[in-house]
Each structure stands twice: as structure tokens, then as C-alpha cells.
Amino acid sequence: MVLTLVWGTTWAAIRVGLQGVPPFTAIALRFAIATSILLALAKAMKVRLGAQPHEKTLWVVNGLLFFCVSYGVVYWSELYVPSGLAAILFATFPLLVTLFAHWLLPDEPLRLRSGIGAIVALAGIVVIFSEDLASVAGPGATTAAAVLLISPVVSSISSVCVKRWGAGVHPVSLAAVPMAIATVVMGAIAWIFERDAKITWTPATVGALLYLSLFGSALTFTLYYWLLRHVRASRVELIAYATPVVAVATGVVFLHEPMTSRFAIGGLLVVAGVAFVAKSRPKAVDV
């Protein structure tokens, strides 16, 4: 519930923050704040960083795939794509996790219902892209929406790798150090491409940055990686099919974003496809 509510509202918060801060700079600042909090927490909890097998490899994989590529794509895309639509497109995440989990996690085989659910969700994506996105969301929206689909792909690979090789690694470690890597990488990218960009600090942009850093990063990712250690990867990712509902409602009500009939139908198909995958989960007891 906490992850759904917070991550459901982060899409709108990103859009608000982008009104005053360019995307790569915003990512670097967000993760710099979150990293500081988590590293202080790790010290207070006496968490030994880098002590487990594969831990340092997971830092790099997580940092580059999940926090650099995925967030870089999302932030850039939300310059052109409404936050609700971005969340709907990212909702393909659990379907991709199911696919990659089939290859990498022996106890999470791919089932027929999962395949059917993937087809239904894919139909939803097709419906969304059948809309003239440029006329609804503005120039560049179609390209940005297509690029945004990279985000759930790399995020799902990262999540399955954590589930496969992250046993025994503390959740704070899995969040803090990869965010630190992302801070450095995205900070360098921001310096190259955005050093002359104007930054405008307003109460809204500062509030969005703090909300994304404290709640959308430090809190939620620690909880997320804790869940990945204790439940099936594909079940954890089902959070993503409730998140777009919150994201769409937030975007429409507070940001007055467009919601066409094709967006709604496509979004319902995506959510239905993921829900169909949820019902295909085996009834084994999670640990």
C-alpha cells in the first residue's frame, strides 16, 4: 500500500520538478539527497557494505540499469509525456519481470496465463499508440512515449538480478550505493548537457525534489528491496499495476493532464493483462 501510494504520486512530482530543474540535474540531486540519508542510516544500523557475494556487482548493475538508464529515460520522457500516461507505459514492468524471472529464477516458471496476460497488455500499448499523441500531449510525445518503454525493460532485468543474486544483501546497501553511483553518473551527464540550463527554485520544485528524495527514493526503495528478499519477484512487481491508477488520478486532478478514451482503454488493458498474470501465480507459500 505504501509503495503504491508513494510511487503512484511520484510521476506527478517528477513532472512538477521538471518545471524548474532539467531532468538529469534533477535525478542527480534527488539521489544525492537520498544517498546521504541512506548512508547515514547504514552507519547508524552498522550495516556492512560490500561484505556479501555479488554485492558489489549488484551495486553496479542496479546503479546503471535501474537508477541511471531507467530514471534517465523516465525524467526525459516526462518532458513530453503526461505523468499518468508514463505510469501506464511503465506498468509493463511486472510482465517483463515475469519473463526474465522465467529465465533466471528456477522457482518462477512462465505459465500460459502469463503469456495471455502479456498479449492483453501489449494490446493496450497498441491502443495507446494508436492515439495521435502529438495532438493530445504536444510535439515529441510519440517519440518520448516509445523511448519510455526502455525503462521497464532495464528495471525488470535489474530487479530479477537482485532477486537472483541478492540473498543476504541488506536492503539499505542495495538502495544506497547504487543511488550513489547514479548521483555521480547523472551528475556528470548533467554537467555535460545541462550546465548552461536555467534552474528555477520555487516552493513547488523544492517540495517535489524533497518528496522524491525522502519518500520516493530513500523510503520506498529500501522497502522494495526488503520485499524482493521475502516474496516472489513477480508478485512484488504487481505493485506496478495499481500504481498507474493512482498516477492517472493524480495527474488528471492536480495537473489537469489529458485523459482520452484511447488512453483509458489502453490503460485498462495494460492493468487487466498484469492482473491476469497475477492470477497465474502458483499458490506456493512465500517466505
Protein backbone atom coordinates (compact mmCIF):
# COMPACT_ATOMS: atom_id res chain seq x y z
CA MET A 1 0.00 0.00 0.00
CA VAL A 2 2.78 2.46 0.93
CA LEU A 3 4.73 1.70 -2.24
CA THR A 4 1.60 2.01 -4.40
CA LEU A 5 0.55 5.36 -2.95
CA VAL A 6 4.02 6.93 -2.93
CA TRP A 7 5.16 5.64 -6.32
CA GLY A 8 1.74 6.46 -7.76
CA THR A 9 2.27 10.12 -6.88
CA THR A 10 5.96 10.34 -7.82
CA TRP A 11 5.08 10.51 -11.53
CA ALA A 12 3.28 13.81 -10.98
CA ALA A 13 6.02 15.02 -8.62
CA ILE A 14 8.63 14.41 -11.34
CA ARG A 15 6.58 16.49 -13.77
CA VAL A 16 6.29 19.31 -11.22
CA GLY A 17 10.03 19.24 -10.51
CA LEU A 18 10.86 19.41 -14.20
CA GLN A 19 9.17 22.81 -14.40
CA GLY A 20 12.22 24.32 -12.73
CA VAL A 21 15.06 21.78 -12.94
CA PRO A 22 16.33 19.97 -16.07
CA PRO A 23 15.95 16.17 -16.00
CA PHE A 24 19.48 14.86 -15.46
CA THR A 25 20.25 17.53 -12.87
CA ALA A 26 17.02 16.66 -11.07
CA ILE A 27 17.98 12.97 -10.95
CA ALA A 28 21.46 13.72 -9.60
CA LEU A 29 20.05 15.99 -6.87
CA ARG A 30 17.32 13.51 -5.96
CA PHE A 31 19.69 10.61 -5.49
CA ALA A 32 22.36 12.73 -3.80
CA ILE A 33 19.89 13.60 -1.04
CA ALA A 34 18.56 10.04 -0.81
CA THR A 35 22.09 8.59 -0.75
CA SER A 36 23.11 10.86 2.13
CA ILE A 37 20.11 9.73 4.16
CA LEU A 38 20.64 6.03 3.45
CA LEU A 39 24.37 6.05 4.08
CA ALA A 40 23.76 7.77 7.42
CA LEU A 41 21.14 5.11 8.17
CA ALA A 42 23.56 2.34 7.19
CA LYS A 43 26.17 3.75 9.57
CA ALA A 44 23.64 4.03 12.40
CA MET A 45 22.45 0.46 11.79
CA LYS A 46 26.06 -0.76 11.41
CA VAL A 47 25.31 -2.29 8.02
CA ARG A 48 28.45 -3.80 6.48
CA LEU A 49 28.58 -2.61 2.89
CA GLY A 50 30.15 -4.88 0.27
CA ALA A 51 30.54 -7.90 2.53
CA GLN A 52 28.25 -10.32 0.67
CA PRO A 53 29.00 -12.28 -2.54
CA HIS A 54 27.84 -10.47 -5.70
CA GLU A 55 27.03 -7.36 -3.65
CA LYS A 56 29.41 -5.04 -5.48
CA THR A 57 28.32 -6.43 -8.85
CA LEU A 58 24.70 -5.76 -7.92
CA TRP A 59 25.64 -2.20 -6.97
CA VAL A 60 26.89 -1.58 -10.49
CA VAL A 61 24.01 -3.39 -12.22
CA ASN A 62 21.42 -1.65 -10.08
CA GLY A 63 23.09 1.73 -10.28
CA LEU A 64 23.49 1.74 -14.04
CA LEU A 65 20.30 -0.03 -15.13
CA PHE A 66 17.71 0.91 -12.53
CA PHE A 67 18.84 4.31 -11.33
CA CYS A 68 20.71 5.73 -14.34
CA VAL A 69 19.14 4.36 -17.53
CA SER A 70 15.63 3.80 -16.22
CA TYR A 71 15.29 7.10 -14.40
CA GLY A 72 17.13 9.00 -17.11
CA VAL A 73 14.59 7.74 -19.63
CA VAL A 74 11.61 8.48 -17.36
CA TYR A 75 12.68 12.02 -16.50
CA TRP A 76 13.50 12.91 -20.09
CA SER A 77 10.26 11.38 -21.38
CA GLU A 78 8.14 13.26 -18.87
CA LEU A 79 9.23 16.49 -20.52
CA TYR A 80 6.83 15.47 -23.30
CA VAL A 81 4.56 12.71 -21.94
CA PRO A 82 1.83 13.25 -19.29
CA SER A 83 2.71 11.65 -15.97
CA GLY A 84 -0.34 9.35 -15.99
CA LEU A 85 0.48 8.01 -19.44
CA ALA A 86 4.11 7.50 -18.40
CA ALA A 87 2.95 5.41 -15.43
CA ILE A 88 0.68 3.32 -17.66
CA LEU A 89 3.53 2.55 -20.05
CA PHE A 90 5.80 1.63 -17.14
CA ALA A 91 3.12 -0.78 -15.89
CA THR A 92 4.51 -3.32 -18.39
CA PHE A 93 7.28 -3.75 -15.78
CA PRO A 94 5.75 -6.80 -14.00
CA LEU A 95 5.15 -8.59 -17.29
CA LEU A 96 8.81 -8.19 -18.19
CA VAL A 97 9.84 -9.31 -14.70
CA THR A 98 7.78 -12.46 -15.20
CA LEU A 99 9.60 -13.14 -18.47
CA PHE A 100 13.10 -12.54 -17.11
CA ALA A 101 12.29 -14.41 -13.90
CA HIS A 102 11.41 -17.44 -16.03
CA TRP A 103 14.96 -17.41 -17.40
CA LEU A 104 16.85 -16.59 -14.21
CA LEU A 105 14.73 -17.85 -11.29
CA PRO A 106 14.08 -21.62 -11.28
CA ASP A 107 11.08 -21.37 -8.94
CA GLU A 108 9.22 -18.83 -11.09
CA PRO A 109 8.34 -20.62 -14.36
CA LEU A 110 6.42 -18.92 -17.15
CA ARG A 111 2.81 -20.06 -17.38
CA LEU A 112 0.23 -19.93 -20.15
CA ARG A 113 -1.87 -17.34 -18.32
CA SER A 114 1.19 -15.12 -18.07
CA GLY A 115 1.58 -15.27 -21.84
CA ILE A 116 -2.08 -14.39 -22.36
CA GLY A 117 -1.76 -11.52 -19.91
CA ALA A 118 1.25 -10.21 -21.79
CA ILE A 119 -0.72 -10.26 -25.05
CA VAL A 120 -3.60 -8.34 -23.44
CA ALA A 121 -1.21 -5.73 -22.04
CA LEU A 122 0.55 -5.45 -25.40
CA ALA A 123 -2.84 -4.78 -27.00
CA GLY A 124 -3.25 -1.94 -24.51
CA ILE A 125 0.08 -0.44 -25.58
CA VAL A 126 -1.02 -0.68 -29.22
CA VAL A 127 -4.27 1.12 -28.40
CA ILE A 128 -2.38 3.90 -26.63
CA PHE A 129 -0.01 4.38 -29.56
CA SER A 130 -2.94 4.40 -31.99
CA GLU A 131 -3.80 7.77 -30.46
CA ASP A 132 -2.32 10.84 -32.11
CA LEU A 133 -0.09 11.56 -29.13
CA ALA A 134 1.33 14.73 -30.64
CA SER A 135 -2.12 16.33 -30.91
CA VAL A 136 -3.00 15.37 -27.34
CA ALA A 137 0.27 15.78 -25.44
CA GLY A 138 2.29 18.00 -27.76
CA PRO A 139 5.26 17.67 -30.15
CA GLY A 140 7.70 14.88 -29.36
CA ALA A 141 5.19 12.90 -27.29
CA THR A 142 5.14 9.86 -29.58
CA THR A 143 8.91 9.51 -29.64
CA ALA A 144 9.18 10.12 -25.90
CA ALA A 145 6.48 7.53 -25.17
CA ALA A 146 8.33 4.94 -27.28
CA VAL A 147 11.65 5.73 -25.59
CA LEU A 148 9.99 5.45 -22.17
CA LEU A 149 9.37 1.73 -22.81
CA ILE A 150 13.12 1.22 -22.34
CA SER A 151 12.66 1.99 -18.65
CA PRO A 152 10.57 -1.05 -17.64
CA VAL A 153 12.88 -3.33 -19.65
CA VAL A 154 16.09 -2.35 -17.85
CA SER A 155 14.30 -2.04 -14.49
CA SER A 156 12.94 -5.58 -14.75
CA ILE A 157 16.38 -7.00 -15.59
CA SER A 158 17.85 -5.23 -12.57
CA SER A 159 15.09 -6.43 -10.23
CA VAL A 160 15.42 -10.06 -11.29
CA CYS A 161 19.20 -9.89 -10.85
CA VAL A 162 18.70 -8.60 -7.31
CA LYS A 163 16.25 -11.42 -6.60
CA ARG A 164 18.61 -14.00 -8.11
CA TRP A 165 21.89 -12.92 -6.53
CA GLY A 166 20.93 -10.53 -3.73
CA ALA A 167 20.16 -13.03 -0.96
CA GLY A 168 21.79 -11.84 2.24
CA VAL A 169 22.50 -8.33 0.92
CA HIS A 170 20.98 -5.68 3.18
CA PRO A 171 18.20 -3.62 1.50
CA VAL A 172 19.90 -0.37 2.50
CA SER A 173 23.02 -1.49 0.65
CA LEU A 174 21.01 -2.33 -2.48
CA ALA A 175 19.50 1.14 -2.48
CA ALA A 176 22.19 3.45 -1.10
CA VAL A 177 25.30 2.57 -3.10
CA PRO A 178 23.53 2.23 -6.49
CA MET A 179 21.95 5.63 -5.86
CA ALA A 180 25.42 6.99 -5.09
CA ILE A 181 26.64 5.58 -8.42
CA ALA A 182 23.67 7.20 -10.16
CA THR A 183 24.42 10.51 -8.45
CA VAL A 184 27.94 10.53 -9.90
CA VAL A 185 26.98 9.29 -13.38
CA MET A 186 23.91 11.52 -13.77
CA GLY A 187 25.79 14.44 -12.27
CA ALA A 188 28.47 14.05 -14.95
CA ILE A 189 25.82 13.79 -17.70
CA ALA A 190 24.08 16.87 -16.31
CA TRP A 191 27.35 18.80 -16.33
CA ILE A 192 27.95 17.87 -19.98
CA PHE A 193 24.45 18.53 -21.31
CA GLU A 194 22.76 20.87 -18.84
CA ARG A 195 25.45 23.06 -17.33
CA ASP A 196 24.03 26.12 -19.11
CA ALA A 197 20.41 25.25 -18.39
CA LYS A 198 18.46 27.61 -16.18
CA ILE A 199 17.33 26.29 -12.79
CA THR A 200 14.35 27.94 -11.14
CA TRP A 201 13.71 27.14 -7.49
CA THR A 202 10.12 27.57 -6.38
CA PRO A 203 8.25 26.08 -3.41
CA ALA A 204 6.76 23.53 -5.82
CA THR A 205 10.08 22.39 -7.32
CA VAL A 206 11.79 22.24 -3.90
CA GLY A 207 8.85 20.33 -2.44
CA ALA A 208 8.85 17.90 -5.36
CA LEU A 209 12.61 17.28 -5.00
CA LEU A 210 12.37 16.64 -1.27
CA TYR A 211 9.33 14.39 -1.66
CA LEU A 212 11.05 12.35 -4.39
CA SER A 213 14.27 12.10 -2.38
CA LEU A 214 12.84 11.24 1.03
CA PHE A 215 9.74 9.24 0.20
CA GLY A 216 10.09 8.33 -3.48
CA SER A 217 13.67 7.07 -3.07
CA ALA A 218 15.07 6.55 0.44
CA LEU A 219 11.92 5.06 1.98
CA THR A 220 10.37 3.19 -0.92
CA PHE A 221 13.46 1.55 -2.39
CA THR A 222 14.62 0.25 0.99
CA LEU A 223 11.17 -1.26 1.48
CA TYR A 224 11.11 -2.53 -2.10
CA TYR A 225 14.41 -4.41 -1.79
CA TRP A 226 13.32 -5.83 1.54
CA LEU A 227 10.20 -7.21 -0.17
CA LEU A 228 12.28 -8.67 -3.01
CA ARG A 229 14.16 -10.77 -0.43
CA HIS A 230 10.98 -12.18 1.08
CA VAL A 231 8.45 -12.62 -1.71
CA ARG A 232 8.40 -13.82 -5.30
CA ALA A 233 9.86 -11.21 -7.66
CA SER A 234 6.83 -11.40 -9.95
CA ARG A 235 4.47 -10.81 -7.02
CA VAL A 236 6.37 -7.78 -5.77
CA GLU A 237 6.14 -6.24 -9.23
CA LEU A 238 2.34 -6.43 -9.08
CA ILE A 239 2.60 -3.14 -7.21
CA ALA A 240 3.04 -1.66 -10.67
CA TYR A 241 -0.48 -2.48 -11.83
CA ALA A 242 -2.10 -0.45 -9.03
CA THR A 243 0.39 2.41 -9.31
CA PRO A 244 -0.86 3.74 -12.69
CA VAL A 245 -4.38 4.10 -11.28
CA VAL A 246 -3.05 6.44 -8.59
CA ALA A 247 -0.75 8.17 -11.10
CA VAL A 248 -3.52 8.83 -13.64
CA ALA A 249 -5.87 10.16 -10.96
CA THR A 250 -3.13 12.42 -9.56
CA GLY A 251 -2.18 13.76 -13.00
CA VAL A 252 -5.76 14.44 -14.09
CA VAL A 253 -6.92 16.01 -10.81
CA PHE A 254 -3.87 18.03 -9.80
CA LEU A 255 -2.01 18.67 -13.07
CA HIS A 256 -5.06 18.76 -15.37
CA GLU A 257 -3.43 16.27 -17.73
CA PRO A 258 -5.37 14.92 -20.72
CA MET A 259 -7.10 11.54 -20.49
CA THR A 260 -8.60 10.41 -23.79
CA SER A 261 -10.78 7.37 -24.35
CA ARG A 262 -7.87 5.53 -26.02
CA PHE A 263 -5.58 6.29 -23.08
CA ALA A 264 -8.26 4.94 -20.74
CA ILE A 265 -8.96 1.81 -22.79
CA GLY A 266 -5.26 1.12 -23.34
CA GLY A 267 -4.54 1.64 -19.67
CA LEU A 268 -7.33 -0.73 -18.66
CA LEU A 269 -5.95 -3.38 -21.00
CA VAL A 270 -2.45 -3.00 -19.55
CA VAL A 271 -3.78 -3.28 -15.99
CA ALA A 272 -6.01 -6.21 -16.96
CA GLY A 273 -3.09 -8.02 -18.57
CA VAL A 274 -0.95 -7.61 -15.47
CA ALA A 275 -3.85 -8.67 -13.24
CA PHE A 276 -4.23 -11.78 -15.41
CA VAL A 277 -0.56 -12.54 -14.76
CA ALA A 278 -1.20 -12.07 -11.04
CA LYS A 279 -3.85 -14.81 -11.09
CA SER A 280 -1.40 -17.14 -12.83
CA ARG A 281 0.97 -17.09 -9.85
CA PRO A 282 1.36 -20.50 -8.22
CA LYS A 283 -0.19 -20.87 -4.79
CA ALA A 284 3.07 -21.74 -3.13
CA VAL A 285 3.68 -20.12 0.24
CA ASP A 286 6.05 -17.17 0.06
CA VAL A 287 8.86 -16.97 2.56
